[in-house]
Amino acid sequence: MSRKIVASATACFGVAVILSGLYRYFMEPGGTSGLWFGLVMGVLALLASLLQITRIWLAGDLLAMVVASFVGGWFCYENLAKGKHELRMYLMIFLSAVELGVLVVSWARRKKTVG
């Protein structure tokens, strides 16, 4: 898997997180915290994508893994512990899992070709 594909997947994930925060802000009362969560996590994912594309792979991949784990974990907590069941939450859990899968496959292929 090329680095451009990994960086593109991370950028798409960041945009999706930002859009999720915007959706929460406009569609639910008191959605300001969701907006800030989406903006901060989305911007961090976009920063990770920028690091990945500028060949600072380790920092970009680690930041992307932290962001995807945090976003997926938070939405799992909201969904399971608090009982909020929304399509947006399921979508963010799915996208977090896909992002982590892309990063793991990228790392595995890179280790396989090196070793």
PDB file of N, CA and C in Angstrom:
ATOM      1  N   MET A   1       0.862  -1.167   0.000  1.00  0.00           N
ATOM      2  CA  MET A   1       0.000   0.000   0.000  1.00  0.00           C
ATOM      3  C   MET A   1       0.910   1.232   0.000  1.00  0.00           C
ATOM      4  N   SER A   2       0.671   2.115  -0.923  1.00  0.00           N
ATOM      5  CA  SER A   2       1.555   3.276  -1.041  1.00  0.00           C
ATOM      6  C   SER A   2       1.262   4.290   0.053  1.00  0.00           C
ATOM      7  N   ARG A   3       2.237   5.132   0.281  1.00  0.00           N
ATOM      8  CA  ARG A   3       2.100   6.156   1.324  1.00  0.00           C
ATOM      9  C   ARG A   3       1.026   7.180   0.949  1.00  0.00           C
ATOM     10  N   LYS A   4       0.834   7.406  -0.336  1.00  0.00           N
ATOM     11  CA  LYS A   4      -0.202   8.361  -0.750  1.00  0.00           C
ATOM     12  C   LYS A   4      -1.592   7.848  -0.396  1.00  0.00           C
ATOM     13  N   ILE A   5      -1.799   6.546  -0.523  1.00  0.00           N
ATOM     14  CA  ILE A   5      -3.096   5.965  -0.174  1.00  0.00           C
ATOM     15  C   ILE A   5      -3.336   6.076   1.324  1.00  0.00           C
ATOM     16  N   VAL A   6      -2.315   5.794   2.113  1.00  0.00           N
ATOM     17  CA  VAL A   6      -2.447   5.894   3.572  1.00  0.00           C
ATOM     18  C   VAL A   6      -2.730   7.340   3.976  1.00  0.00           C
ATOM     19  N   ALA A   7      -2.000   8.284   3.395  1.00  0.00           N
ATOM     20  CA  ALA A   7      -2.223   9.699   3.714  1.00  0.00           C
ATOM     21  C   ALA A   7      -3.608  10.151   3.260  1.00  0.00           C
ATOM     22  N   SER A   8      -4.064   9.661   2.125  1.00  0.00           N
ATOM     23  CA  SER A   8      -5.404  10.008   1.644  1.00  0.00           C
ATOM     24  C   SER A   8      -6.488   9.440   2.555  1.00  0.00           C
ATOM     25  N   ALA A   9      -6.299   8.211   3.005  1.00  0.00           N
ATOM     26  CA  ALA A   9      -7.269   7.609   3.925  1.00  0.00           C
ATOM     27  C   ALA A   9      -7.328   8.384   5.238  1.00  0.00           C
ATOM     28  N   THR A  10      -6.176   8.808   5.720  1.00  0.00           N
ATOM     29  CA  THR A  10      -6.134   9.586   6.960  1.00  0.00           C
ATOM     30  C   THR A  10      -6.799  10.944   6.772  1.00  0.00           C
ATOM     31  N   ALA A  11      -6.575  11.567   5.628  1.00  0.00           N
ATOM     32  CA  ALA A  11      -7.212  12.862   5.356  1.00  0.00           C
ATOM     33  C   ALA A  11      -8.726  12.713   5.252  1.00  0.00           C
ATOM     34  N   CYS A  12      -9.186  11.674   4.580  1.00  0.00           N
ATOM     35  CA  CYS A  12     -10.634  11.438   4.486  1.00  0.00           C
ATOM     36  C   CYS A  12     -11.234  11.176   5.859  1.00  0.00           C
ATOM     37  N   PHE A  13     -10.519  10.450   6.697  1.00  0.00           N
ATOM     38  CA  PHE A  13     -10.984  10.217   8.062  1.00  0.00           C
ATOM     39  C   PHE A  13     -11.077  11.532   8.833  1.00  0.00           C
ATOM     40  N   GLY A  14     -10.086  12.393   8.681  1.00  0.00           N
ATOM     41  CA  GLY A  14     -10.122  13.695   9.356  1.00  0.00           C
ATOM     42  C   GLY A  14     -11.292  14.548   8.913  1.00  0.00           C
ATOM     43  N   VAL A  15     -11.569  14.562   7.623  1.00  0.00           N
ATOM     44  CA  VAL A  15     -12.705  15.328   7.105  1.00  0.00           C
ATOM     45  C   VAL A  15     -14.017  14.742   7.630  1.00  0.00           C
ATOM     46  N   ALA A  16     -14.107  13.419   7.702  1.00  0.00           N
ATOM     47  CA  ALA A  16     -15.319  12.784   8.214  1.00  0.00           C
ATOM     48  C   ALA A  16     -15.552  13.128   9.684  1.00  0.00           C
ATOM     49  N   VAL A  17     -14.480  13.194  10.467  1.00  0.00           N
ATOM     50  CA  VAL A  17     -14.612  13.552  11.880  1.00  0.00           C
ATOM     51  C   VAL A  17     -15.077  15.001  12.011  1.00  0.00           C
ATOM     52  N   ILE A  18     -14.533  15.893  11.202  1.00  0.00           N
ATOM     53  CA  ILE A  18     -14.963  17.294  11.231  1.00  0.00           C
ATOM     54  C   ILE A  18     -16.429  17.408  10.831  1.00  0.00           C
ATOM     55  N   LEU A  19     -16.839  16.694   9.798  1.00  0.00           N
ATOM     56  CA  LEU A  19     -18.237  16.730   9.363  1.00  0.00           C
ATOM     57  C   LEU A  19     -19.172  16.155  10.424  1.00  0.00           C
ATOM     58  N   SER A  20     -18.716  15.150  11.144  1.00  0.00           N
ATOM     59  CA  SER A  20     -19.522  14.592  12.223  1.00  0.00           C
ATOM     60  C   SER A  20     -19.730  15.620  13.332  1.00  0.00           C
ATOM     61  N   GLY A  21     -18.679  16.357  13.657  1.00  0.00           N
ATOM     62  CA  GLY A  21     -18.814  17.409  14.661  1.00  0.00           C
ATOM     63  C   GLY A  21     -19.742  18.523  14.204  1.00  0.00           C
ATOM     64  N   LEU A  22     -19.647  18.883  12.936  1.00  0.00           N
ATOM     65  CA  LEU A  22     -20.540  19.910  12.396  1.00  0.00           C
ATOM     66  C   LEU A  22     -21.991  19.433  12.400  1.00  0.00           C
ATOM     67  N   TYR A  23     -22.206  18.180  12.061  1.00  0.00           N
ATOM     68  CA  TYR A  23     -23.556  17.617  12.087  1.00  0.00           C
ATOM     69  C   TYR A  23     -24.139  17.680  13.504  1.00  0.00           C
ATOM     70  N   ARG A  24     -23.337  17.299  14.462  1.00  0.00           N
ATOM     71  CA  ARG A  24     -23.809  17.328  15.859  1.00  0.00           C
ATOM     72  C   ARG A  24     -24.135  18.746  16.283  1.00  0.00           C
ATOM     73  N   TYR A  25     -23.326  19.701  15.870  1.00  0.00           N
ATOM     74  CA  TYR A  25     -23.544  21.095  16.257  1.00  0.00           C
ATOM     75  C   TYR A  25     -24.842  21.639  15.672  1.00  0.00           C
ATOM     76  N   PHE A  26     -25.107  21.337  14.411  1.00  0.00           N
ATOM     77  CA  PHE A  26     -26.280  21.906  13.754  1.00  0.00           C
ATOM     78  C   PHE A  26     -27.565  21.117  14.000  1.00  0.00           C
ATOM     79  N   MET A  27     -27.483  19.834  14.284  1.00  0.00           N
ATOM     80  CA  MET A  27     -28.685  19.017  14.385  1.00  0.00           C
ATOM     81  C   MET A  27     -29.138  18.721  15.810  1.00  0.00           C
ATOM     82  N   GLU A  28     -28.291  18.934  16.794  1.00  0.00           N
ATOM     83  CA  GLU A  28     -28.676  18.611  18.159  1.00  0.00           C
ATOM     84  C   GLU A  28     -28.487  19.824  19.055  1.00  0.00           C
ATOM     85  N   PRO A  29     -29.397  20.041  19.986  1.00  0.00           N
ATOM     86  CA  PRO A  29     -29.200  21.146  20.918  1.00  0.00           C
ATOM     87  C   PRO A  29     -28.028  20.854  21.858  1.00  0.00           C
ATOM     88  N   GLY A  30     -27.241  21.861  22.130  1.00  0.00           N
ATOM     89  CA  GLY A  30     -26.072  21.672  22.988  1.00  0.00           C
ATOM     90  C   GLY A  30     -24.961  20.905  22.320  1.00  0.00           C
ATOM     91  N   GLY A  31     -24.830  21.035  21.030  1.00  0.00           N
ATOM     92  CA  GLY A  31     -23.829  20.277  20.289  1.00  0.00           C
ATOM     93  C   GLY A  31     -22.487  20.964  20.181  1.00  0.00           C
ATOM     94  N   THR A  32     -22.235  21.961  21.029  1.00  0.00           N
ATOM     95  CA  THR A  32     -20.974  22.693  20.962  1.00  0.00           C
ATOM     96  C   THR A  32     -19.784  21.793  21.303  1.00  0.00           C
ATOM     97  N   SER A  33     -19.963  20.912  22.293  1.00  0.00           N
ATOM     98  CA  SER A  33     -18.858  20.016  22.649  1.00  0.00           C
ATOM     99  C   SER A  33     -18.548  19.053  21.508  1.00  0.00           C
ATOM    100  N   GLY A  34     -19.587  18.605  20.803  1.00  0.00           N
ATOM    101  CA  GLY A  34     -19.368  17.742  19.646  1.00  0.00           C
ATOM    102  C   GLY A  34     -18.633  18.445  18.526  1.00  0.00           C
ATOM    103  N   LEU A  35     -18.948  19.737  18.359  1.00  0.00           N
ATOM    104  CA  LEU A  35     -18.248  20.524  17.348  1.00  0.00           C
ATOM    105  C   LEU A  35     -16.769  20.624  17.678  1.00  0.00           C
ATOM    106  N   TRP A  36     -16.448  20.950  18.922  1.00  0.00           N
ATOM    107  CA  TRP A  36     -15.038  21.082  19.297  1.00  0.00           C
ATOM    108  C   TRP A  36     -14.298  19.752  19.216  1.00  0.00           C
ATOM    109  N   PHE A  37     -14.955  18.683  19.633  1.00  0.00           N
ATOM    110  CA  PHE A  37     -14.344  17.360  19.521  1.00  0.00           C
ATOM    111  C   PHE A  37     -14.042  17.036  18.066  1.00  0.00           C
ATOM    112  N   GLY A  38     -15.014  17.291  17.189  1.00  0.00           N
ATOM    113  CA  GLY A  38     -14.821  17.017  15.773  1.00  0.00           C
ATOM    114  C   GLY A  38     -13.729  17.867  15.160  1.00  0.00           C
ATOM    115  N   LEU A  39     -13.691  19.142  15.529  1.00  0.00           N
ATOM    116  CA  LEU A  39     -12.667  20.026  14.973  1.00  0.00           C
ATOM    117  C   LEU A  39     -11.272  19.638  15.441  1.00  0.00           C
ATOM    118  N   VAL A  40     -11.117  19.401  16.732  1.00  0.00           N
ATOM    119  CA  VAL A  40      -9.780  19.082  17.262  1.00  0.00           C
ATOM    120  C   VAL A  40      -9.281  17.744  16.713  1.00  0.00           C
ATOM    121  N   MET A  41     -10.115  16.727  16.793  1.00  0.00           N
ATOM    122  CA  MET A  41      -9.692  15.410  16.313  1.00  0.00           C
ATOM    123  C   MET A  41      -9.512  15.397  14.793  1.00  0.00           C
ATOM    124  N   GLY A  42     -10.382  16.103  14.074  1.00  0.00           N
ATOM    125  CA  GLY A  42     -10.252  16.168  12.620  1.00  0.00           C
ATOM    126  C   GLY A  42      -8.997  16.897  12.182  1.00  0.00           C
ATOM    127  N   VAL A  43      -8.688  17.995  12.851  1.00  0.00           N
ATOM    128  CA  VAL A  43      -7.470  18.745  12.509  1.00  0.00           C
ATOM    129  C   VAL A  43      -6.235  17.913  12.849  1.00  0.00           C
ATOM    130  N   LEU A  44      -6.270  17.175  13.962  1.00  0.00           N
ATOM    131  CA  LEU A  44      -5.142  16.300  14.285  1.00  0.00           C
ATOM    132  C   LEU A  44      -4.974  15.195  13.233  1.00  0.00           C
ATOM    133  N   ALA A  45      -6.075  14.668  12.734  1.00  0.00           N
ATOM    134  CA  ALA A  45      -5.983  13.652  11.672  1.00  0.00           C
ATOM    135  C   ALA A  45      -5.446  14.258  10.389  1.00  0.00           C
ATOM    136  N   LEU A  46      -5.852  15.479  10.070  1.00  0.00           N
ATOM    137  CA  LEU A  46      -5.316  16.146   8.877  1.00  0.00           C
ATOM    138  C   LEU A  46      -3.825  16.458   9.048  1.00  0.00           C
ATOM    139  N   LEU A  47      -3.413  16.804  10.266  1.00  0.00           N
ATOM    140  CA  LEU A  47      -1.995  17.012  10.544  1.00  0.00           C
ATOM    141  C   LEU A  47      -1.225  15.701  10.375  1.00  0.00           C
ATOM    142  N   ALA A  48      -1.814  14.605  10.835  1.00  0.00           N
ATOM    143  CA  ALA A  48      -1.178  13.295  10.646  1.00  0.00           C
ATOM    144  C   ALA A  48      -1.035  12.972   9.163  1.00  0.00           C
ATOM    145  N   SER A  49      -2.047  13.299   8.388  1.00  0.00           N
ATOM    146  CA  SER A  49      -1.978  13.083   6.941  1.00  0.00           C
ATOM    147  C   SER A  49      -0.867  13.915   6.312  1.00  0.00           C
ATOM    148  N   LEU A  50      -0.743  15.149   6.769  1.00  0.00           N
ATOM    149  CA  LEU A  50       0.324  16.011   6.263  1.00  0.00           C
ATOM    150  C   LEU A  50       1.697  15.446   6.622  1.00  0.00           C
ATOM    151  N   LEU A  51       1.834  14.940   7.834  1.00  0.00           N
ATOM    152  CA  LEU A  51       3.105  14.324   8.226  1.00  0.00           C
ATOM    153  C   LEU A  51       3.390  13.074   7.393  1.00  0.00           C
ATOM    154  N   GLN A  52       2.360  12.298   7.101  1.00  0.00           N
ATOM    155  CA  GLN A  52       2.551  11.087   6.302  1.00  0.00           C
ATOM    156  C   GLN A  52       2.973  11.420   4.878  1.00  0.00           C
ATOM    157  N   ILE A  53       2.411  12.467   4.321  1.00  0.00           N
ATOM    158  CA  ILE A  53       2.715  12.794   2.924  1.00  0.00           C
ATOM    159  C   ILE A  53       4.084  13.477   2.801  1.00  0.00           C
ATOM    160  N   THR A  54       4.549  14.120   3.887  1.00  0.00           N
ATOM    161  CA  THR A  54       5.856  14.789   3.850  1.00  0.00           C
ATOM    162  C   THR A  54       6.978  13.884   4.345  1.00  0.00           C
ATOM    163  N   ARG A  55       6.709  12.589   4.367  1.00  0.00           N
ATOM    164  CA  ARG A  55       7.705  11.560   4.675  1.00  0.00           C
ATOM    165  C   ARG A  55       8.192  11.567   6.116  1.00  0.00           C
ATOM    166  N   ILE A  56       7.386  12.085   7.015  1.00  0.00           N
ATOM    167  CA  ILE A  56       7.635  11.922   8.444  1.00  0.00           C
ATOM    168  C   ILE A  56       6.664  10.831   8.887  1.00  0.00           C
ATOM    169  N   TRP A  57       6.927   9.608   8.393  1.00  0.00           N
ATOM    170  CA  TRP A  57       5.964   8.519   8.477  1.00  0.00           C
ATOM    171  C   TRP A  57       5.667   8.088   9.897  1.00  0.00           C
ATOM    172  N   LEU A  58       6.691   7.928  10.707  1.00  0.00           N
ATOM    173  CA  LEU A  58       6.481   7.402  12.048  1.00  0.00           C
ATOM    174  C   LEU A  58       5.582   8.331  12.859  1.00  0.00           C
ATOM    175  N   ALA A  59       5.886   9.614  12.846  1.00  0.00           N
ATOM    176  CA  ALA A  59       5.073  10.570  13.607  1.00  0.00           C
ATOM    177  C   ALA A  59       3.651  10.646  13.053  1.00  0.00           C
ATOM    178  N   GLY A  60       3.518  10.640  11.735  1.00  0.00           N
ATOM    179  CA  GLY A  60       2.198  10.695  11.121  1.00  0.00           C
ATOM    180  C   GLY A  60       1.366   9.465  11.422  1.00  0.00           C
ATOM    181  N   ASP A  61       1.981   8.290  11.323  1.00  0.00           N
ATOM    182  CA  ASP A  61       1.256   7.052  11.597  1.00  0.00           C
ATOM    183  C   ASP A  61       0.871   6.949  13.065  1.00  0.00           C
ATOM    184  N   LEU A  62       1.777   7.318  13.951  1.00  0.00           N
ATOM    185  CA  LEU A  62       1.452   7.255  15.378  1.00  0.00           C
ATOM    186  C   LEU A  62       0.347   8.232  15.746  1.00  0.00           C
ATOM    187  N   LEU A  63       0.401   9.442  15.210  1.00  0.00           N
ATOM    188  CA  LEU A  63      -0.649  10.420  15.478  1.00  0.00           C
ATOM    189  C   LEU A  63      -1.985   9.945  14.916  1.00  0.00           C
ATOM    190  N   ALA A  64      -1.961   9.380  13.722  1.00  0.00           N
ATOM    191  CA  ALA A  64      -3.195   8.864  13.123  1.00  0.00           C
ATOM    192  C   ALA A  64      -3.766   7.712  13.951  1.00  0.00           C
ATOM    193  N   MET A  65      -2.905   6.846  14.469  1.00  0.00           N
ATOM    194  CA  MET A  65      -3.374   5.742  15.303  1.00  0.00           C
ATOM    195  C   MET A  65      -3.988   6.247  16.603  1.00  0.00           C
ATOM    196  N   VAL A  66      -3.357   7.234  17.218  1.00  0.00           N
ATOM    197  CA  VAL A  66      -3.895   7.793  18.465  1.00  0.00           C
ATOM    198  C   VAL A  66      -5.250   8.442  18.208  1.00  0.00           C
ATOM    199  N   VAL A  67      -5.349   9.225  17.140  1.00  0.00           N
ATOM    200  CA  VAL A  67      -6.609   9.909  16.833  1.00  0.00           C
ATOM    201  C   VAL A  67      -7.716   8.903  16.513  1.00  0.00           C
ATOM    202  N   ALA A  68      -7.425   7.925  15.669  1.00  0.00           N
ATOM    203  CA  ALA A  68      -8.446   6.938  15.302  1.00  0.00           C
ATOM    204  C   ALA A  68      -8.865   6.103  16.512  1.00  0.00           C
ATOM    205  N   SER A  69      -7.914   5.755  17.365  1.00  0.00           N
ATOM    206  CA  SER A  69      -8.252   4.994  18.572  1.00  0.00           C
ATOM    207  C   SER A  69      -9.110   5.818  19.514  1.00  0.00           C
ATOM    208  N   PHE A  70      -8.763   7.084  19.682  1.00  0.00           N
ATOM    209  CA  PHE A  70      -9.521   7.944  20.582  1.00  0.00           C
ATOM    210  C   PHE A  70     -10.932   8.187  20.054  1.00  0.00           C
ATOM    211  N   VAL A  71     -11.047   8.486  18.774  1.00  0.00           N
ATOM    212  CA  VAL A  71     -12.365   8.732  18.185  1.00  0.00           C
ATOM    213  C   VAL A  71     -13.218   7.470  18.245  1.00  0.00           C
ATOM    214  N   GLY A  72     -12.668   6.346  17.823  1.00  0.00           N
ATOM    215  CA  GLY A  72     -13.424   5.095  17.872  1.00  0.00           C
ATOM    216  C   GLY A  72     -13.791   4.704  19.293  1.00  0.00           C
ATOM    217  N   GLY A  73     -12.849   4.874  20.203  1.00  0.00           N
ATOM    218  CA  GLY A  73     -13.120   4.553  21.605  1.00  0.00           C
ATOM    219  C   GLY A  73     -14.190   5.442  22.212  1.00  0.00           C
ATOM    220  N   TRP A  74     -14.138   6.727  21.888  1.00  0.00           N
ATOM    221  CA  TRP A  74     -15.123   7.648  22.432  1.00  0.00           C
ATOM    222  C   TRP A  74     -16.527   7.316  21.924  1.00  0.00           C
ATOM    223  N   PHE A  75     -16.644   7.044  20.635  1.00  0.00           N
ATOM    224  CA  PHE A  75     -17.959   6.734  20.095  1.00  0.00           C
ATOM    225  C   PHE A  75     -18.454   5.370  20.577  1.00  0.00           C
ATOM    226  N   CYS A  76     -17.563   4.417  20.807  1.00  0.00           N
ATOM    227  CA  CYS A  76     -17.979   3.145  21.405  1.00  0.00           C
ATOM    228  C   CYS A  76     -18.496   3.373  22.824  1.00  0.00           C
ATOM    229  N   TYR A  77     -17.803   4.210  23.579  1.00  0.00           N
ATOM    230  CA  TYR A  77     -18.241   4.533  24.938  1.00  0.00           C
ATOM    231  C   TYR A  77     -19.611   5.213  24.915  1.00  0.00           C
ATOM    232  N   GLU A  78     -19.770   6.196  24.058  1.00  0.00           N
ATOM    233  CA  GLU A  78     -21.050   6.901  23.958  1.00  0.00           C
ATOM    234  C   GLU A  78     -22.164   5.953  23.538  1.00  0.00           C
ATOM    235  N   ASN A  79     -21.856   5.051  22.648  1.00  0.00           N
ATOM    236  CA  ASN A  79     -22.865   4.143  22.113  1.00  0.00           C
ATOM    237  C   ASN A  79     -23.224   3.051  23.116  1.00  0.00           C
ATOM    238  N   LEU A  80     -22.230   2.434  23.721  1.00  0.00           N
ATOM    239  CA  LEU A  80     -22.491   1.294  24.588  1.00  0.00           C
ATOM    240  C   LEU A  80     -22.827   1.700  26.023  1.00  0.00           C
ATOM    241  N   ALA A  81     -22.044   2.598  26.596  1.00  0.00           N
ATOM    242  CA  ALA A  81     -22.239   2.939  28.004  1.00  0.00           C
ATOM    243  C   ALA A  81     -23.418   3.886  28.220  1.00  0.00           C
ATOM    244  N   LYS A  82     -23.560   4.856  27.359  1.00  0.00           N
ATOM    245  CA  LYS A  82     -24.629   5.833  27.536  1.00  0.00           C
ATOM    246  C   LYS A  82     -25.894   5.494  26.777  1.00  0.00           C
ATOM    247  N   GLY A  83     -25.832   4.526  25.898  1.00  0.00           N
ATOM    248  CA  GLY A  83     -27.022   4.077  25.195  1.00  0.00           C
ATOM    249  C   GLY A  83     -27.504   5.007  24.094  1.00  0.00           C
ATOM    250  N   LYS A  84     -26.617   5.836  23.577  1.00  0.00           N
ATOM    251  CA  LYS A  84     -26.992   6.687  22.444  1.00  0.00           C
ATOM    252  C   LYS A  84     -26.751   5.902  21.162  1.00  0.00           C
ATOM    253  N   HIS A  85     -27.811   5.627  20.437  1.00  0.00           N
ATOM    254  CA  HIS A  85     -27.685   4.850  19.211  1.00  0.00           C
ATOM    255  C   HIS A  85     -28.059   5.741  18.028  1.00  0.00           C
ATOM    256  N   GLU A  86     -27.027   6.163  17.303  1.00  0.00           N
ATOM    257  CA  GLU A  86     -27.226   7.006  16.126  1.00  0.00           C
ATOM    258  C   GLU A  86     -26.412   6.432  14.972  1.00  0.00           C
ATOM    259  N   LEU A  87     -26.897   6.660  13.779  1.00  0.00           N
ATOM    260  CA  LEU A  87     -26.175   6.214  12.595  1.00  0.00           C
ATOM    261  C   LEU A  87     -24.808   6.885  12.507  1.00  0.00           C
ATOM    262  N   ARG A  88     -24.731   8.145  12.904  1.00  0.00           N
ATOM    263  CA  ARG A  88     -23.468   8.888  12.874  1.00  0.00           C
ATOM    264  C   ARG A  88     -22.422   8.206  13.745  1.00  0.00           C
ATOM    265  N   MET A  89     -22.835   7.716  14.901  1.00  0.00           N
ATOM    266  CA  MET A  89     -21.887   7.047  15.800  1.00  0.00           C
ATOM    267  C   MET A  89     -21.390   5.735  15.209  1.00  0.00           C
ATOM    268  N   TYR A  90     -22.310   4.966  14.636  1.00  0.00           N
ATOM    269  CA  TYR A  90     -21.900   3.712  14.004  1.00  0.00           C
ATOM    270  C   TYR A  90     -20.948   3.968  12.832  1.00  0.00           C
ATOM    271  N   LEU A  91     -21.221   5.012  12.090  1.00  0.00           N
ATOM    272  CA  LEU A  91     -20.361   5.358  10.965  1.00  0.00           C
ATOM    273  C   LEU A  91     -18.962   5.744  11.438  1.00  0.00           C
ATOM    274  N   MET A  92     -18.879   6.516  12.523  1.00  0.00           N
ATOM    275  CA  MET A  92     -17.565   6.923  13.023  1.00  0.00           C
ATOM    276  C   MET A  92     -16.797   5.741  13.609  1.00  0.00           C
ATOM    277  N   ILE A  93     -17.496   4.810  14.246  1.00  0.00           N
ATOM    278  CA  ILE A  93     -16.828   3.597  14.741  1.00  0.00           C
ATOM    279  C   ILE A  93     -16.277   2.789  13.566  1.00  0.00           C
ATOM    280  N   PHE A  94     -17.084   2.646  12.516  1.00  0.00           N
ATOM    281  CA  PHE A  94     -16.653   1.915  11.329  1.00  0.00           C
ATOM    282  C   PHE A  94     -15.450   2.604  10.671  1.00  0.00           C
ATOM    283  N   LEU A  95     -15.517   3.929  10.511  1.00  0.00           N
ATOM    284  CA  LEU A  95     -14.408   4.644   9.872  1.00  0.00           C
ATOM    285  C   LEU A  95     -13.139   4.596  10.714  1.00  0.00           C
ATOM    286  N   SER A  96     -13.279   4.614  12.024  1.00  0.00           N
ATOM    287  CA  SER A  96     -12.104   4.484  12.894  1.00  0.00           C
ATOM    288  C   SER A  96     -11.458   3.111  12.717  1.00  0.00           C
ATOM    289  N   ALA A  97     -12.280   2.080  12.643  1.00  0.00           N
ATOM    290  CA  ALA A  97     -11.754   0.729  12.443  1.00  0.00           C
ATOM    291  C   ALA A  97     -11.070   0.602  11.083  1.00  0.00           C
ATOM    292  N   VAL A  98     -11.662   1.204  10.058  1.00  0.00           N
ATOM    293  CA  VAL A  98     -11.049   1.164   8.726  1.00  0.00           C
ATOM    294  C   VAL A  98      -9.715   1.903   8.736  1.00  0.00           C
ATOM    295  N   GLU A  99      -9.667   3.065   9.372  1.00  0.00           N
ATOM    296  CA  GLU A  99      -8.410   3.831   9.443  1.00  0.00           C
ATOM    297  C   GLU A  99      -7.336   3.031  10.170  1.00  0.00           C
ATOM    298  N   LEU A 100      -7.685   2.425  11.287  1.00  0.00           N
ATOM    299  CA  LEU A 100      -6.707   1.602  12.001  1.00  0.00           C
ATOM    300  C   LEU A 100      -6.277   0.403  11.158  1.00  0.00           C
ATOM    301  N   GLY A 101      -7.207  -0.188  10.427  1.00  0.00           N
ATOM    302  CA  GLY A 101      -6.863  -1.304   9.549  1.00  0.00           C
ATOM    303  C   GLY A 101      -5.903  -0.899   8.444  1.00  0.00           C
ATOM    304  N   VAL A 102      -6.134   0.257   7.844  1.00  0.00           N
ATOM    305  CA  VAL A 102      -5.237   0.762   6.795  1.00  0.00           C
ATOM    306  C   VAL A 102      -3.839   0.978   7.367  1.00  0.00           C
ATOM    307  N   LEU A 103      -3.770   1.547   8.559  1.00  0.00           N
ATOM    308  CA  LEU A 103      -2.458   1.798   9.170  1.00  0.00           C
ATOM    309  C   LEU A 103      -1.738   0.496   9.515  1.00  0.00           C
ATOM    310  N   VAL A 104      -2.465  -0.473  10.040  1.00  0.00           N
ATOM    311  CA  VAL A 104      -1.847  -1.754  10.403  1.00  0.00           C
ATOM    312  C   VAL A 104      -1.373  -2.501   9.159  1.00  0.00           C
ATOM    313  N   VAL A 105      -2.190  -2.526   8.124  1.00  0.00           N
ATOM    314  CA  VAL A 105      -1.782  -3.205   6.884  1.00  0.00           C
ATOM    315  C   VAL A 105      -0.564  -2.508   6.275  1.00  0.00           C
ATOM    316  N   SER A 106      -0.545  -1.195   6.318  1.00  0.00           N
ATOM    317  CA  SER A 106       0.599  -0.451   5.800  1.00  0.00           C
ATOM    318  C   SER A 106       1.870  -0.793   6.571  1.00  0.00           C
ATOM    319  N   TRP A 107       1.754  -0.842   7.887  1.00  0.00           N
ATOM    320  CA  TRP A 107       2.917  -1.197   8.704  1.00  0.00           C
ATOM    321  C   TRP A 107       3.363  -2.632   8.440  1.00  0.00           C
ATOM    322  N   ALA A 108       2.409  -3.549   8.327  1.00  0.00           N
ATOM    323  CA  ALA A 108       2.760  -4.953   8.107  1.00  0.00           C
ATOM    324  C   ALA A 108       3.452  -5.143   6.765  1.00  0.00           C
ATOM    325  N   ARG A 109       2.955  -4.481   5.742  1.00  0.00           N
ATOM    326  CA  ARG A 109       3.591  -4.603   4.426  1.00  0.00           C
ATOM    327  C   ARG A 109       4.968  -3.973   4.411  1.00  0.00           C
ATOM    328  N   ARG A 110       5.120  -2.855   5.122  1.00  0.00           N
ATOM    329  CA  ARG A 110       6.422  -2.207   5.154  1.00  0.00           C
ATOM    330  C   ARG A 110       7.433  -3.083   5.899  1.00  0.00           C
ATOM    331  N   LYS A 111       7.014  -3.689   7.002  1.00  0.00           N
ATOM    332  CA  LYS A 111       7.910  -4.574   7.751  1.00  0.00           C
ATOM    333  C   LYS A 111       8.244  -5.817   6.947  1.00  0.00           C
ATOM    334  N   LYS A 112       7.294  -6.307   6.166  1.00  0.00           N
ATOM    335  CA  LYS A 112       7.524  -7.511   5.364  1.00  0.00           C
ATOM    336  C   LYS A 112       8.555  -7.252   4.271  1.00  0.00           C
ATOM    337  N   THR A 113       8.499  -6.081   3.635  1.00  0.00           N
ATOM    338  CA  THR A 113       9.442  -5.794   2.557  1.00  0.00           C
ATOM    339  C   THR A 113      10.824  -5.473   3.094  1.00  0.00           C
ATOM    340  N   VAL A 114      10.906  -4.916   4.301  1.00  0.00           N
ATOM    341  CA  VAL A 114      12.201  -4.570   4.865  1.00  0.00           C
ATOM    342  C   VAL A 114      12.899  -5.822   5.395  1.00  0.00           C
ATOM    343  N   GLY A 115      12.157  -6.668   6.127  1.00  0.00           N
ATOM    344  CA  GLY A 115      12.756  -7.818   6.808  1.00  0.00           C
ATOM    345  C   GLY A 115      12.817  -8.977   5.959  1.00  0.00           C
TER     346      GLY A 115
END
